[in-house]
């Protein structure tokens, strides 16, 4: 199958220049980035787990509905936020680890990871 994109040398040079500029301006310490991602992961995971577990123990209909909506919203935030980064191999340096985490998170929320990859 042929590539459907045209290759223009001037555009390639412009893209390389843009990448170099972005690399110069977006210098982030790896440790800071990892701590920030880890905090966000723990927070989202905690909210998802607590809201899901609470569904089994709540007696009030209004509170049950609130926890159900919170669980749905938190699981979507969790999945989209992290799976997107995992699918673009930005969290870990190892592509296989990124792919495993991507598939695992989508499996947890009941979505099909490969279908999402194809559509994205």
PDB file of N, CA and C in Angstrom:
ATOM      1  N   UNK A   1       0.830  -1.165   0.000  1.00  0.00           N
ATOM      2  CA  UNK A   1       0.000   0.000   0.000  1.00  0.00           C
ATOM      3  C   UNK A   1       0.886   1.243   0.000  1.00  0.00           C
ATOM      4  N   UNK A   2       0.561   2.191  -0.828  1.00  0.00           N
ATOM      5  CA  UNK A   2       1.346   3.410  -0.926  1.00  0.00           C
ATOM      6  C   UNK A   2       0.999   4.365   0.200  1.00  0.00           C
ATOM      7  N   UNK A   3       1.979   5.166   0.581  1.00  0.00           N
ATOM      8  CA  UNK A   3       1.753   6.199   1.575  1.00  0.00           C
ATOM      9  C   UNK A   3       0.866   7.266   0.957  1.00  0.00           C
ATOM     10  N   UNK A   4      -0.181   7.643   1.643  1.00  0.00           N
ATOM     11  CA  UNK A   4      -1.112   8.610   1.070  1.00  0.00           C
ATOM     12  C   UNK A   4      -0.665  10.049   1.279  1.00  0.00           C
ATOM     13  N   UNK A   5       0.450  10.246   1.989  1.00  0.00           N
ATOM     14  CA  UNK A   5       0.944  11.588   2.216  1.00  0.00           C
ATOM     15  C   UNK A   5       2.047  11.917   1.215  1.00  0.00           C
ATOM     16  N   UNK A   6       2.031  13.102   0.708  1.00  0.00           N
ATOM     17  CA  UNK A   6       3.090  13.558  -0.178  1.00  0.00           C
ATOM     18  C   UNK A   6       4.324  13.911   0.633  1.00  0.00           C
ATOM     19  N   UNK A   7       5.471  13.623   0.109  1.00  0.00           N
ATOM     20  CA  UNK A   7       6.716  13.972   0.778  1.00  0.00           C
ATOM     21  C   UNK A   7       7.309  15.182   0.077  1.00  0.00           C
ATOM     22  N   UNK A   8       7.374  16.297   0.809  1.00  0.00           N
ATOM     23  CA  UNK A   8       7.946  17.525   0.282  1.00  0.00           C
ATOM     24  C   UNK A   8       9.139  17.884   1.155  1.00  0.00           C
ATOM     25  N   UNK A   9      10.307  18.023   0.534  1.00  0.00           N
ATOM     26  CA  UNK A   9      11.542  18.227   1.288  1.00  0.00           C
ATOM     27  C   UNK A   9      11.493  19.482   2.167  1.00  0.00           C
ATOM     28  N   UNK A  10      10.924  20.569   1.654  1.00  0.00           N
ATOM     29  CA  UNK A  10      10.861  21.807   2.433  1.00  0.00           C
ATOM     30  C   UNK A  10      10.003  21.618   3.691  1.00  0.00           C
ATOM     31  N   UNK A  11       8.924  20.878   3.553  1.00  0.00           N
ATOM     32  CA  UNK A  11       8.061  20.614   4.703  1.00  0.00           C
ATOM     33  C   UNK A  11       8.768  19.744   5.729  1.00  0.00           C
ATOM     34  N   UNK A  12       9.555  18.796   5.257  1.00  0.00           N
ATOM     35  CA  UNK A  12      10.302  17.936   6.174  1.00  0.00           C
ATOM     36  C   UNK A  12      11.319  18.741   6.966  1.00  0.00           C
ATOM     37  N   UNK A  13      11.979  19.655   6.304  1.00  0.00           N
ATOM     38  CA  UNK A  13      12.950  20.507   6.991  1.00  0.00           C
ATOM     39  C   UNK A  13      12.259  21.417   8.001  1.00  0.00           C
ATOM     40  N   UNK A  14      11.103  21.941   7.638  1.00  0.00           N
ATOM     41  CA  UNK A  14      10.342  22.791   8.553  1.00  0.00           C
ATOM     42  C   UNK A  14       9.910  21.991   9.776  1.00  0.00           C
ATOM     43  N   UNK A  15       9.459  20.779   9.573  1.00  0.00           N
ATOM     44  CA  UNK A  15       9.038  19.934  10.680  1.00  0.00           C
ATOM     45  C   UNK A  15      10.218  19.608  11.601  1.00  0.00           C
ATOM     46  N   UNK A  16      11.373  19.329  11.020  1.00  0.00           N
ATOM     47  CA  UNK A  16      12.564  19.071  11.830  1.00  0.00           C
ATOM     48  C   UNK A  16      12.945  20.300  12.651  1.00  0.00           C
ATOM     49  N   UNK A  17      12.823  21.464  12.043  1.00  0.00           N
ATOM     50  CA  UNK A  17      13.133  22.712  12.755  1.00  0.00           C
ATOM     51  C   UNK A  17      12.152  22.925  13.905  1.00  0.00           C
ATOM     52  N   UNK A  18      10.892  22.659  13.681  1.00  0.00           N
ATOM     53  CA  UNK A  18       9.881  22.800  14.733  1.00  0.00           C
ATOM     54  C   UNK A  18      10.166  21.840  15.876  1.00  0.00           C
ATOM     55  N   UNK A  19      10.517  20.592  15.562  1.00  0.00           N
ATOM     56  CA  UNK A  19      10.859  19.611  16.604  1.00  0.00           C
ATOM     57  C   UNK A  19      12.057  20.068  17.422  1.00  0.00           C
ATOM     58  N   UNK A  20      13.060  20.632  16.767  1.00  0.00           N
ATOM     59  CA  UNK A  20      14.228  21.118  17.498  1.00  0.00           C
ATOM     60  C   UNK A  20      13.848  22.256  18.435  1.00  0.00           C
ATOM     61  N   UNK A  21      13.012  23.182  17.968  1.00  0.00           N
ATOM     62  CA  UNK A  21      12.558  24.301  18.796  1.00  0.00           C
ATOM     63  C   UNK A  21      11.765  23.807  20.004  1.00  0.00           C
ATOM     64  N   UNK A  22      10.887  22.862  19.770  1.00  0.00           N
ATOM     65  CA  UNK A  22      10.073  22.315  20.866  1.00  0.00           C
ATOM     66  C   UNK A  22      10.970  21.623  21.877  1.00  0.00           C
ATOM     67  N   UNK A  23      11.944  20.851  21.419  1.00  0.00           N
ATOM     68  CA  UNK A  23      12.860  20.165  22.332  1.00  0.00           C
ATOM     69  C   UNK A  23      13.650  21.160  23.182  1.00  0.00           C
ATOM     70  N   UNK A  24      14.018  22.292  22.604  1.00  0.00           N
ATOM     71  CA  UNK A  24      14.761  23.299  23.351  1.00  0.00           C
ATOM     72  C   UNK A  24      13.880  23.979  24.402  1.00  0.00           C
ATOM     73  N   UNK A  25      12.626  24.222  24.081  1.00  0.00           N
ATOM     74  CA  UNK A  25      11.758  24.976  24.972  1.00  0.00           C
ATOM     75  C   UNK A  25      11.056  24.110  26.014  1.00  0.00           C
ATOM     76  N   UNK A  26      10.873  22.841  25.724  1.00  0.00           N
ATOM     77  CA  UNK A  26      10.162  21.960  26.649  1.00  0.00           C
ATOM     78  C   UNK A  26      11.113  21.001  27.343  1.00  0.00           C
ATOM     79  N   UNK A  27      11.951  21.542  28.148  1.00  0.00           N
ATOM     80  CA  UNK A  27      12.872  20.720  28.913  1.00  0.00           C
ATOM     81  C   UNK A  27      12.246  20.509  30.289  1.00  0.00           C
ATOM     82  N   UNK A  28      11.917  19.254  30.601  1.00  0.00           N
ATOM     83  CA  UNK A  28      11.310  18.932  31.887  1.00  0.00           C
ATOM     84  C   UNK A  28      12.133  17.839  32.544  1.00  0.00           C
ATOM     85  N   UNK A  29      12.344  18.004  33.820  1.00  0.00           N
ATOM     86  CA  UNK A  29      13.096  16.991  34.544  1.00  0.00           C
ATOM     87  C   UNK A  29      12.280  15.713  34.598  1.00  0.00           C
ATOM     88  N   UNK A  30      12.920  14.593  34.308  1.00  0.00           N
ATOM     89  CA  UNK A  30      12.242  13.293  34.239  1.00  0.00           C
ATOM     90  C   UNK A  30      11.630  12.911  35.594  1.00  0.00           C
ATOM     91  N   UNK A  31      12.324  13.184  36.674  1.00  0.00           N
ATOM     92  CA  UNK A  31      11.814  12.850  38.005  1.00  0.00           C
ATOM     93  C   UNK A  31      10.561  13.630  38.345  1.00  0.00           C
ATOM     94  N   UNK A  32      10.553  14.915  38.034  1.00  0.00           N
ATOM     95  CA  UNK A  32       9.374  15.749  38.294  1.00  0.00           C
ATOM     96  C   UNK A  32       8.183  15.249  37.485  1.00  0.00           C
ATOM     97  N   UNK A  33       8.416  14.943  36.232  1.00  0.00           N
ATOM     98  CA  UNK A  33       7.352  14.432  35.362  1.00  0.00           C
ATOM     99  C   UNK A  33       6.789  13.126  35.904  1.00  0.00           C
ATOM    100  N   UNK A  34       7.667  12.222  36.316  1.00  0.00           N
ATOM    101  CA  UNK A  34       7.217  10.921  36.804  1.00  0.00           C
ATOM    102  C   UNK A  34       6.432  11.063  38.108  1.00  0.00           C
ATOM    103  N   UNK A  35       6.888  11.945  39.016  1.00  0.00           N
ATOM    104  CA  UNK A  35       6.158  12.160  40.272  1.00  0.00           C
ATOM    105  C   UNK A  35       4.774  12.746  40.010  1.00  0.00           C
ATOM    106  N   UNK A  36       4.693  13.652  39.074  1.00  0.00           N
ATOM    107  CA  UNK A  36       3.407  14.267  38.733  1.00  0.00           C
ATOM    108  C   UNK A  36       2.453  13.231  38.133  1.00  0.00           C
ATOM    109  N   UNK A  37       2.941  12.419  37.228  1.00  0.00           N
ATOM    110  CA  UNK A  37       2.126  11.358  36.621  1.00  0.00           C
ATOM    111  C   UNK A  37       1.711  10.334  37.672  1.00  0.00           C
ATOM    112  N   UNK A  38       2.629   9.959  38.557  1.00  0.00           N
ATOM    113  CA  UNK A  38       2.321   8.982  39.598  1.00  0.00           C
ATOM    114  C   UNK A  38       1.242   9.508  40.552  1.00  0.00           C
ATOM    115  N   UNK A  39       1.349  10.774  40.928  1.00  0.00           N
ATOM    116  CA  UNK A  39       0.331  11.371  41.798  1.00  0.00           C
ATOM    117  C   UNK A  39      -1.035  11.349  41.119  1.00  0.00           C
ATOM    118  N   UNK A  40      -1.066  11.733  39.870  1.00  0.00           N
ATOM    119  CA  UNK A  40      -2.332  11.752  39.130  1.00  0.00           C
ATOM    120  C   UNK A  40      -2.892  10.341  38.980  1.00  0.00           C
ATOM    121  N   UNK A  41      -2.033   9.369  38.735  1.00  0.00           N
ATOM    122  CA  UNK A  41      -2.463   7.978  38.613  1.00  0.00           C
ATOM    123  C   UNK A  41      -3.077   7.483  39.924  1.00  0.00           C
ATOM    124  N   UNK A  42      -2.404   7.733  41.020  1.00  0.00           N
ATOM    125  CA  UNK A  42      -2.902   7.290  42.325  1.00  0.00           C
ATOM    126  C   UNK A  42      -4.225   7.972  42.653  1.00  0.00           C
ATOM    127  N   UNK A  43      -4.328   9.261  42.393  1.00  0.00           N
ATOM    128  CA  UNK A  43      -5.563   9.998  42.667  1.00  0.00           C
ATOM    129  C   UNK A  43      -6.736   9.443  41.864  1.00  0.00           C
ATOM    130  N   UNK A  44      -6.558   9.302  40.567  1.00  0.00           N
ATOM    131  CA  UNK A  44      -7.641   8.775  39.721  1.00  0.00           C
ATOM    132  C   UNK A  44      -8.000   7.342  40.105  1.00  0.00           C
ATOM    133  N   UNK A  45      -6.986   6.525  40.340  1.00  0.00           N
ATOM    134  CA  UNK A  45      -7.227   5.134  40.704  1.00  0.00           C
ATOM    135  C   UNK A  45      -7.978   5.042  42.036  1.00  0.00           C
ATOM    136  N   UNK A  46      -7.602   5.879  42.987  1.00  0.00           N
ATOM    137  CA  UNK A  46      -8.276   5.909  44.282  1.00  0.00           C
ATOM    138  C   UNK A  46      -9.744   6.310  44.137  1.00  0.00           C
ATOM    139  N   UNK A  47     -10.018   7.353  43.373  1.00  0.00           N
ATOM    140  CA  UNK A  47     -11.401   7.806  43.176  1.00  0.00           C
ATOM    141  C   UNK A  47     -12.222   6.725  42.471  1.00  0.00           C
ATOM    142  N   UNK A  48     -11.635   6.082  41.472  1.00  0.00           N
ATOM    143  CA  UNK A  48     -12.345   5.007  40.766  1.00  0.00           C
ATOM    144  C   UNK A  48     -12.659   3.859  41.724  1.00  0.00           C
ATOM    145  N   UNK A  49     -11.676   3.425  42.488  1.00  0.00           N
ATOM    146  CA  UNK A  49     -11.889   2.291  43.397  1.00  0.00           C
ATOM    147  C   UNK A  49     -12.889   2.618  44.491  1.00  0.00           C
ATOM    148  N   UNK A  50     -12.751   3.790  45.119  1.00  0.00           N
ATOM    149  CA  UNK A  50     -13.654   4.160  46.207  1.00  0.00           C
ATOM    150  C   UNK A  50     -15.083   4.314  45.705  1.00  0.00           C
ATOM    151  N   UNK A  51     -15.259   4.961  44.568  1.00  0.00           N
ATOM    152  CA  UNK A  51     -16.617   5.150  44.051  1.00  0.00           C
ATOM    153  C   UNK A  51     -17.237   3.818  43.622  1.00  0.00           C
ATOM    154  N   UNK A  52     -16.438   2.903  43.107  1.00  0.00           N
ATOM    155  CA  UNK A  52     -16.964   1.600  42.704  1.00  0.00           C
ATOM    156  C   UNK A  52     -17.330   0.749  43.923  1.00  0.00           C
ATOM    157  N   UNK A  53     -16.444   0.682  44.887  1.00  0.00           N
ATOM    158  CA  UNK A  53     -16.701  -0.123  46.079  1.00  0.00           C
ATOM    159  C   UNK A  53     -17.887   0.427  46.868  1.00  0.00           C
ATOM    160  N   UNK A  54     -18.006   1.746  46.901  1.00  0.00           N
ATOM    161  CA  UNK A  54     -19.113   2.340  47.655  1.00  0.00           C
ATOM    162  C   UNK A  54     -20.474   1.995  47.048  1.00  0.00           C
ATOM    163  N   UNK A  55     -20.512   1.646  45.788  1.00  0.00           N
ATOM    164  CA  UNK A  55     -21.782   1.269  45.159  1.00  0.00           C
ATOM    165  C   UNK A  55     -22.406   0.045  45.830  1.00  0.00           C
ATOM    166  N   UNK A  56     -21.597  -0.819  46.416  1.00  0.00           N
ATOM    167  CA  UNK A  56     -22.095  -2.027  47.060  1.00  0.00           C
ATOM    168  C   UNK A  56     -22.644  -1.782  48.469  1.00  0.00           C
ATOM    169  N   UNK A  57     -22.296  -0.648  49.065  1.00  0.00           N
ATOM    170  CA  UNK A  57     -22.661  -0.429  50.459  1.00  0.00           C
ATOM    171  C   UNK A  57     -23.657   0.713  50.669  1.00  0.00           C
ATOM    172  N   UNK A  58     -23.952   1.485  49.657  1.00  0.00           N
ATOM    173  CA  UNK A  58     -24.838   2.641  49.799  1.00  0.00           C
ATOM    174  C   UNK A  58     -26.297   2.204  49.746  1.00  0.00           C
ATOM    175  N   UNK A  59     -27.079   2.752  50.648  1.00  0.00           N
ATOM    176  CA  UNK A  59     -28.504   2.433  50.709  1.00  0.00           C
ATOM    177  C   UNK A  59     -29.365   3.523  50.057  1.00  0.00           C
ATOM    178  N   UNK A  60     -28.895   4.747  50.065  1.00  0.00           N
ATOM    179  CA  UNK A  60     -29.655   5.872  49.517  1.00  0.00           C
ATOM    180  C   UNK A  60     -29.595   5.866  47.989  1.00  0.00           C
ATOM    181  N   UNK A  61     -30.739   6.049  47.358  1.00  0.00           N
ATOM    182  CA  UNK A  61     -30.796   6.052  45.889  1.00  0.00           C
ATOM    183  C   UNK A  61     -30.039   7.230  45.294  1.00  0.00           C
ATOM    184  N   UNK A  62     -30.178   8.402  45.906  1.00  0.00           N
ATOM    185  CA  UNK A  62     -29.509   9.598  45.387  1.00  0.00           C
ATOM    186  C   UNK A  62     -27.991   9.485  45.529  1.00  0.00           C
ATOM    187  N   UNK A  63     -27.557   8.991  46.668  1.00  0.00           N
ATOM    188  CA  UNK A  63     -26.121   8.810  46.876  1.00  0.00           C
ATOM    189  C   UNK A  63     -25.564   7.730  45.946  1.00  0.00           C
ATOM    190  N   UNK A  64     -26.328   6.671  45.724  1.00  0.00           N
ATOM    191  CA  UNK A  64     -25.923   5.613  44.796  1.00  0.00           C
ATOM    192  C   UNK A  64     -25.745   6.178  43.387  1.00  0.00           C
ATOM    193  N   UNK A  65     -26.721   6.971  42.962  1.00  0.00           N
ATOM    194  CA  UNK A  65     -26.644   7.581  41.630  1.00  0.00           C
ATOM    195  C   UNK A  65     -25.440   8.513  41.524  1.00  0.00           C
ATOM    196  N   UNK A  66     -25.192   9.279  42.585  1.00  0.00           N
ATOM    197  CA  UNK A  66     -24.035  10.191  42.588  1.00  0.00           C
ATOM    198  C   UNK A  66     -22.720   9.417  42.473  1.00  0.00           C
ATOM    199  N   UNK A  67     -22.597   8.329  43.230  1.00  0.00           N
ATOM    200  CA  UNK A  67     -21.383   7.512  43.162  1.00  0.00           C
ATOM    201  C   UNK A  67     -21.245   6.827  41.805  1.00  0.00           C
ATOM    202  N   UNK A  68     -22.360   6.441  41.230  1.00  0.00           N
ATOM    203  CA  UNK A  68     -22.345   5.802  39.914  1.00  0.00           C
ATOM    204  C   UNK A  68     -21.839   6.780  38.845  1.00  0.00           C
ATOM    205  N   UNK A  69     -22.336   8.012  38.896  1.00  0.00           N
ATOM    206  CA  UNK A  69     -21.888   9.039  37.948  1.00  0.00           C
ATOM    207  C   UNK A  69     -20.420   9.376  38.190  1.00  0.00           C
ATOM    208  N   UNK A  70     -20.025   9.494  39.463  1.00  0.00           N
ATOM    209  CA  UNK A  70     -18.626   9.770  39.795  1.00  0.00           C
ATOM    210  C   UNK A  70     -17.719   8.655  39.293  1.00  0.00           C
ATOM    211  N   UNK A  71     -18.150   7.403  39.475  1.00  0.00           N
ATOM    212  CA  UNK A  71     -17.356   6.272  38.983  1.00  0.00           C
ATOM    213  C   UNK A  71     -17.193   6.337  37.459  1.00  0.00           C
ATOM    214  N   UNK A  72     -18.273   6.586  36.757  1.00  0.00           N
ATOM    215  CA  UNK A  72     -18.200   6.669  35.300  1.00  0.00           C
ATOM    216  C   UNK A  72     -17.297   7.795  34.833  1.00  0.00           C
ATOM    217  N   UNK A  73     -17.442   8.957  35.438  1.00  0.00           N
ATOM    218  CA  UNK A  73     -16.624  10.110  35.052  1.00  0.00           C
ATOM    219  C   UNK A  73     -15.151   9.878  35.390  1.00  0.00           C
ATOM    220  N   UNK A  74     -14.889   9.367  36.584  1.00  0.00           N
ATOM    221  CA  UNK A  74     -13.502   9.134  37.005  1.00  0.00           C
ATOM    222  C   UNK A  74     -12.836   8.056  36.164  1.00  0.00           C
ATOM    223  N   UNK A  75     -13.573   7.001  35.821  1.00  0.00           N
ATOM    224  CA  UNK A  75     -12.964   5.947  35.006  1.00  0.00           C
ATOM    225  C   UNK A  75     -12.676   6.447  33.589  1.00  0.00           C
ATOM    226  N   UNK A  76     -13.529   7.306  33.060  1.00  0.00           N
ATOM    227  CA  UNK A  76     -13.240   7.893  31.748  1.00  0.00           C
ATOM    228  C   UNK A  76     -12.023   8.802  31.808  1.00  0.00           C
ATOM    229  N   UNK A  77     -11.947   9.636  32.837  1.00  0.00           N
ATOM    230  CA  UNK A  77     -10.769  10.495  32.999  1.00  0.00           C
ATOM    231  C   UNK A  77      -9.505   9.653  33.116  1.00  0.00           C
ATOM    232  N   UNK A  78      -9.589   8.629  33.925  1.00  0.00           N
ATOM    233  CA  UNK A  78      -8.453   7.727  34.137  1.00  0.00           C
ATOM    234  C   UNK A  78      -8.026   7.078  32.824  1.00  0.00           C
ATOM    235  N   UNK A  79      -8.989   6.533  32.107  1.00  0.00           N
ATOM    236  CA  UNK A  79      -8.671   5.814  30.872  1.00  0.00           C
ATOM    237  C   UNK A  79      -8.149   6.752  29.791  1.00  0.00           C
ATOM    238  N   UNK A  80      -8.857   7.820  29.535  1.00  0.00           N
ATOM    239  CA  UNK A  80      -8.433   8.710  28.450  1.00  0.00           C
ATOM    240  C   UNK A  80      -7.126   9.405  28.765  1.00  0.00           C
ATOM    241  N   UNK A  81      -6.980   9.836  29.998  1.00  0.00           N
ATOM    242  CA  UNK A  81      -5.776  10.563  30.375  1.00  0.00           C
ATOM    243  C   UNK A  81      -4.532   9.700  30.242  1.00  0.00           C
ATOM    244  N   UNK A  82      -4.576   8.508  30.821  1.00  0.00           N
ATOM    245  CA  UNK A  82      -3.382   7.675  30.827  1.00  0.00           C
ATOM    246  C   UNK A  82      -3.231   6.840  29.564  1.00  0.00           C
ATOM    247  N   UNK A  83      -4.317   6.320  29.060  1.00  0.00           N
ATOM    248  CA  UNK A  83      -4.204   5.488  27.863  1.00  0.00           C
ATOM    249  C   UNK A  83      -3.701   6.287  26.675  1.00  0.00           C
ATOM    250  N   UNK A  84      -4.098   7.530  26.595  1.00  0.00           N
ATOM    251  CA  UNK A  84      -3.607   8.367  25.502  1.00  0.00           C
ATOM    252  C   UNK A  84      -2.094   8.521  25.589  1.00  0.00           C
ATOM    253  N   UNK A  85      -1.600   8.803  26.784  1.00  0.00           N
ATOM    254  CA  UNK A  85      -0.153   8.931  26.956  1.00  0.00           C
ATOM    255  C   UNK A  85       0.563   7.610  26.732  1.00  0.00           C
ATOM    256  N   UNK A  86      -0.036   6.516  27.214  1.00  0.00           N
ATOM    257  CA  UNK A  86       0.568   5.198  26.987  1.00  0.00           C
ATOM    258  C   UNK A  86       0.594   4.850  25.501  1.00  0.00           C
ATOM    259  N   UNK A  87      -0.471   5.169  24.779  1.00  0.00           N
ATOM    260  CA  UNK A  87      -0.526   4.809  23.362  1.00  0.00           C
ATOM    261  C   UNK A  87       0.492   5.584  22.535  1.00  0.00           C
ATOM    262  N   UNK A  88       0.879   6.771  23.001  1.00  0.00           N
ATOM    263  CA  UNK A  88       1.893   7.558  22.298  1.00  0.00           C
ATOM    264  C   UNK A  88       3.288   7.348  22.883  1.00  0.00           C
ATOM    265  N   UNK A  89       3.424   6.342  23.778  1.00  0.00           N
ATOM    266  CA  UNK A  89       4.719   5.966  24.362  1.00  0.00           C
ATOM    267  C   UNK A  89       5.420   7.126  25.062  1.00  0.00           C
ATOM    268  N   UNK A  90       4.669   7.881  25.868  1.00  0.00           N
ATOM    269  CA  UNK A  90       5.259   9.032  26.542  1.00  0.00           C
ATOM    270  C   UNK A  90       5.500   8.812  28.028  1.00  0.00           C
ATOM    271  N   UNK A  91       4.963   7.763  28.610  1.00  0.00           N
ATOM    272  CA  UNK A  91       5.132   7.557  30.049  1.00  0.00           C
ATOM    273  C   UNK A  91       6.434   6.797  30.332  1.00  0.00           C
ATOM    274  N   UNK A  92       6.598   5.650  29.726  1.00  0.00           N
ATOM    275  CA  UNK A  92       7.800   4.834  29.916  1.00  0.00           C
ATOM    276  C   UNK A  92       8.622   4.842  28.633  1.00  0.00           C
ATOM    277  N   UNK A  93       9.889   4.565  28.774  1.00  0.00           N
ATOM    278  CA  UNK A  93      10.753   4.485  27.588  1.00  0.00           C
ATOM    279  C   UNK A  93      10.545   3.184  26.830  1.00  0.00           C
ATOM    280  N   UNK A  94      10.086   2.160  27.518  1.00  0.00           N
ATOM    281  CA  UNK A  94       9.862   0.847  26.914  1.00  0.00           C
ATOM    282  C   UNK A  94       8.494   0.818  26.228  1.00  0.00           C
ATOM    283  N   UNK A  95       8.491   0.604  24.919  1.00  0.00           N
ATOM    284  CA  UNK A  95       7.237   0.588  24.149  1.00  0.00           C
ATOM    285  C   UNK A  95       6.316  -0.555  24.577  1.00  0.00           C
ATOM    286  N   UNK A  96       6.892  -1.705  24.890  1.00  0.00           N
ATOM    287  CA  UNK A  96       6.073  -2.848  25.308  1.00  0.00           C
ATOM    288  C   UNK A  96       5.367  -2.578  26.637  1.00  0.00           C
ATOM    289  N   UNK A  97       6.052  -1.927  27.559  1.00  0.00           N
ATOM    290  CA  UNK A  97       5.437  -1.583  28.840  1.00  0.00           C
ATOM    291  C   UNK A  97       4.314  -0.566  28.638  1.00  0.00           C
ATOM    292  N   UNK A  98       4.540   0.428  27.793  1.00  0.00           N
ATOM    293  CA  UNK A  98       3.494   1.397  27.468  1.00  0.00           C
ATOM    294  C   UNK A  98       2.280   0.702  26.860  1.00  0.00           C
ATOM    295  N   UNK A  99       2.527  -0.213  25.938  1.00  0.00           N
ATOM    296  CA  UNK A  99       1.430  -0.920  25.275  1.00  0.00           C
ATOM    297  C   UNK A  99       0.667  -1.803  26.264  1.00  0.00           C
ATOM    298  N   UNK A 100       1.385  -2.490  27.157  1.00  0.00           N
ATOM    299  CA  UNK A 100       0.732  -3.325  28.153  1.00  0.00           C
ATOM    300  C   UNK A 100      -0.173  -2.487  29.062  1.00  0.00           C
ATOM    301  N   UNK A 101       0.338  -1.357  29.542  1.00  0.00           N
ATOM    302  CA  UNK A 101      -0.454  -0.485  30.414  1.00  0.00           C
ATOM    303  C   UNK A 101      -1.651   0.092  29.671  1.00  0.00           C
ATOM    304  N   UNK A 102      -1.462   0.439  28.412  1.00  0.00           N
ATOM    305  CA  UNK A 102      -2.551   0.952  27.583  1.00  0.00           C
ATOM    306  C   UNK A 102      -3.683  -0.069  27.484  1.00  0.00           C
ATOM    307  N   UNK A 103      -3.338  -1.302  27.180  1.00  0.00           N
ATOM    308  CA  UNK A 103      -4.347  -2.358  27.032  1.00  0.00           C
ATOM    309  C   UNK A 103      -4.982  -2.675  28.389  1.00  0.00           C
ATOM    310  N   UNK A 104      -4.187  -2.688  29.458  1.00  0.00           N
ATOM    311  CA  UNK A 104      -4.713  -3.013  30.790  1.00  0.00           C
ATOM    312  C   UNK A 104      -5.733  -1.986  31.255  1.00  0.00           C
ATOM    313  N   UNK A 105      -5.456  -0.716  31.044  1.00  0.00           N
ATOM    314  CA  UNK A 105      -6.399   0.320  31.489  1.00  0.00           C
ATOM    315  C   UNK A 105      -7.685   0.249  30.691  1.00  0.00           C
ATOM    316  N   UNK A 106      -7.580   0.046  29.396  1.00  0.00           N
ATOM    317  CA  UNK A 106      -8.807  -0.067  28.600  1.00  0.00           C
ATOM    318  C   UNK A 106      -9.593  -1.319  28.966  1.00  0.00           C
ATOM    319  N   UNK A 107      -8.905  -2.390  29.311  1.00  0.00           N
ATOM    320  CA  UNK A 107      -9.604  -3.604  29.738  1.00  0.00           C
ATOM    321  C   UNK A 107     -10.341  -3.371  31.052  1.00  0.00           C
ATOM    322  N   UNK A 108      -9.754  -2.586  31.942  1.00  0.00           N
ATOM    323  CA  UNK A 108     -10.389  -2.295  33.222  1.00  0.00           C
ATOM    324  C   UNK A 108     -11.711  -1.549  33.062  1.00  0.00           C
ATOM    325  N   UNK A 109     -11.791  -0.687  32.070  1.00  0.00           N
ATOM    326  CA  UNK A 109     -13.044   0.060  31.894  1.00  0.00           C
ATOM    327  C   UNK A 109     -13.978  -0.612  30.894  1.00  0.00           C
ATOM    328  N   UNK A 110     -13.548  -1.722  30.331  1.00  0.00           N
ATOM    329  CA  UNK A 110     -14.425  -2.467  29.437  1.00  0.00           C
ATOM    330  C   UNK A 110     -14.412  -2.002  27.999  1.00  0.00           C
ATOM    331  N   UNK A 111     -13.343  -1.373  27.579  1.00  0.00           N
ATOM    332  CA  UNK A 111     -13.233  -0.905  26.192  1.00  0.00           C
ATOM    333  C   UNK A 111     -12.206  -1.761  25.450  1.00  0.00           C
ATOM    334  N   UNK A 112     -12.230  -1.670  24.139  1.00  0.00           N
ATOM    335  CA  UNK A 112     -11.310  -2.438  23.307  1.00  0.00           C
ATOM    336  C   UNK A 112     -10.160  -1.526  22.874  1.00  0.00           C
ATOM    337  N   UNK A 113      -8.966  -1.810  23.386  1.00  0.00           N
ATOM    338  CA  UNK A 113      -7.814  -0.940  23.169  1.00  0.00           C
ATOM    339  C   UNK A 113      -7.399  -0.866  21.707  1.00  0.00           C
ATOM    340  N   UNK A 114      -7.353  -1.984  21.040  1.00  0.00           N
ATOM    341  CA  UNK A 114      -6.903  -1.989  19.640  1.00  0.00           C
ATOM    342  C   UNK A 114      -7.884  -1.240  18.734  1.00  0.00           C
ATOM    343  N   UNK A 115      -9.174  -1.337  19.017  1.00  0.00           N
ATOM    344  CA  UNK A 115     -10.168  -0.593  18.230  1.00  0.00           C
ATOM    345  C   UNK A 115      -9.947   0.902  18.405  1.00  0.00           C
ATOM    346  N   UNK A 116      -9.645   1.322  19.649  1.00  0.00           N
ATOM    347  CA  UNK A 116      -9.392   2.739  19.879  1.00  0.00           C
ATOM    348  C   UNK A 116      -8.128   3.187  19.147  1.00  0.00           C
ATOM    349  N   UNK A 117      -7.099   2.350  19.161  1.00  0.00           N
ATOM    350  CA  UNK A 117      -5.855   2.692  18.470  1.00  0.00           C
ATOM    351  C   UNK A 117      -6.084   2.893  16.978  1.00  0.00           C
ATOM    352  N   UNK A 118      -6.887   2.006  16.383  1.00  0.00           N
ATOM    353  CA  UNK A 118      -7.159   2.112  14.951  1.00  0.00           C
ATOM    354  C   UNK A 118      -7.940   3.382  14.616  1.00  0.00           C
ATOM    355  N   UNK A 119      -8.848   3.770  15.478  1.00  0.00           N
ATOM    356  CA  UNK A 119      -9.661   4.951  15.209  1.00  0.00           C
ATOM    357  C   UNK A 119      -8.910   6.243  15.514  1.00  0.00           C
ATOM    358  N   UNK A 120      -7.930   6.178  16.390  1.00  0.00           N
ATOM    359  CA  UNK A 120      -7.179   7.375  16.780  1.00  0.00           C
ATOM    360  C   UNK A 120      -6.092   7.625  15.753  1.00  0.00           C
TER     361      UNK A 120
END
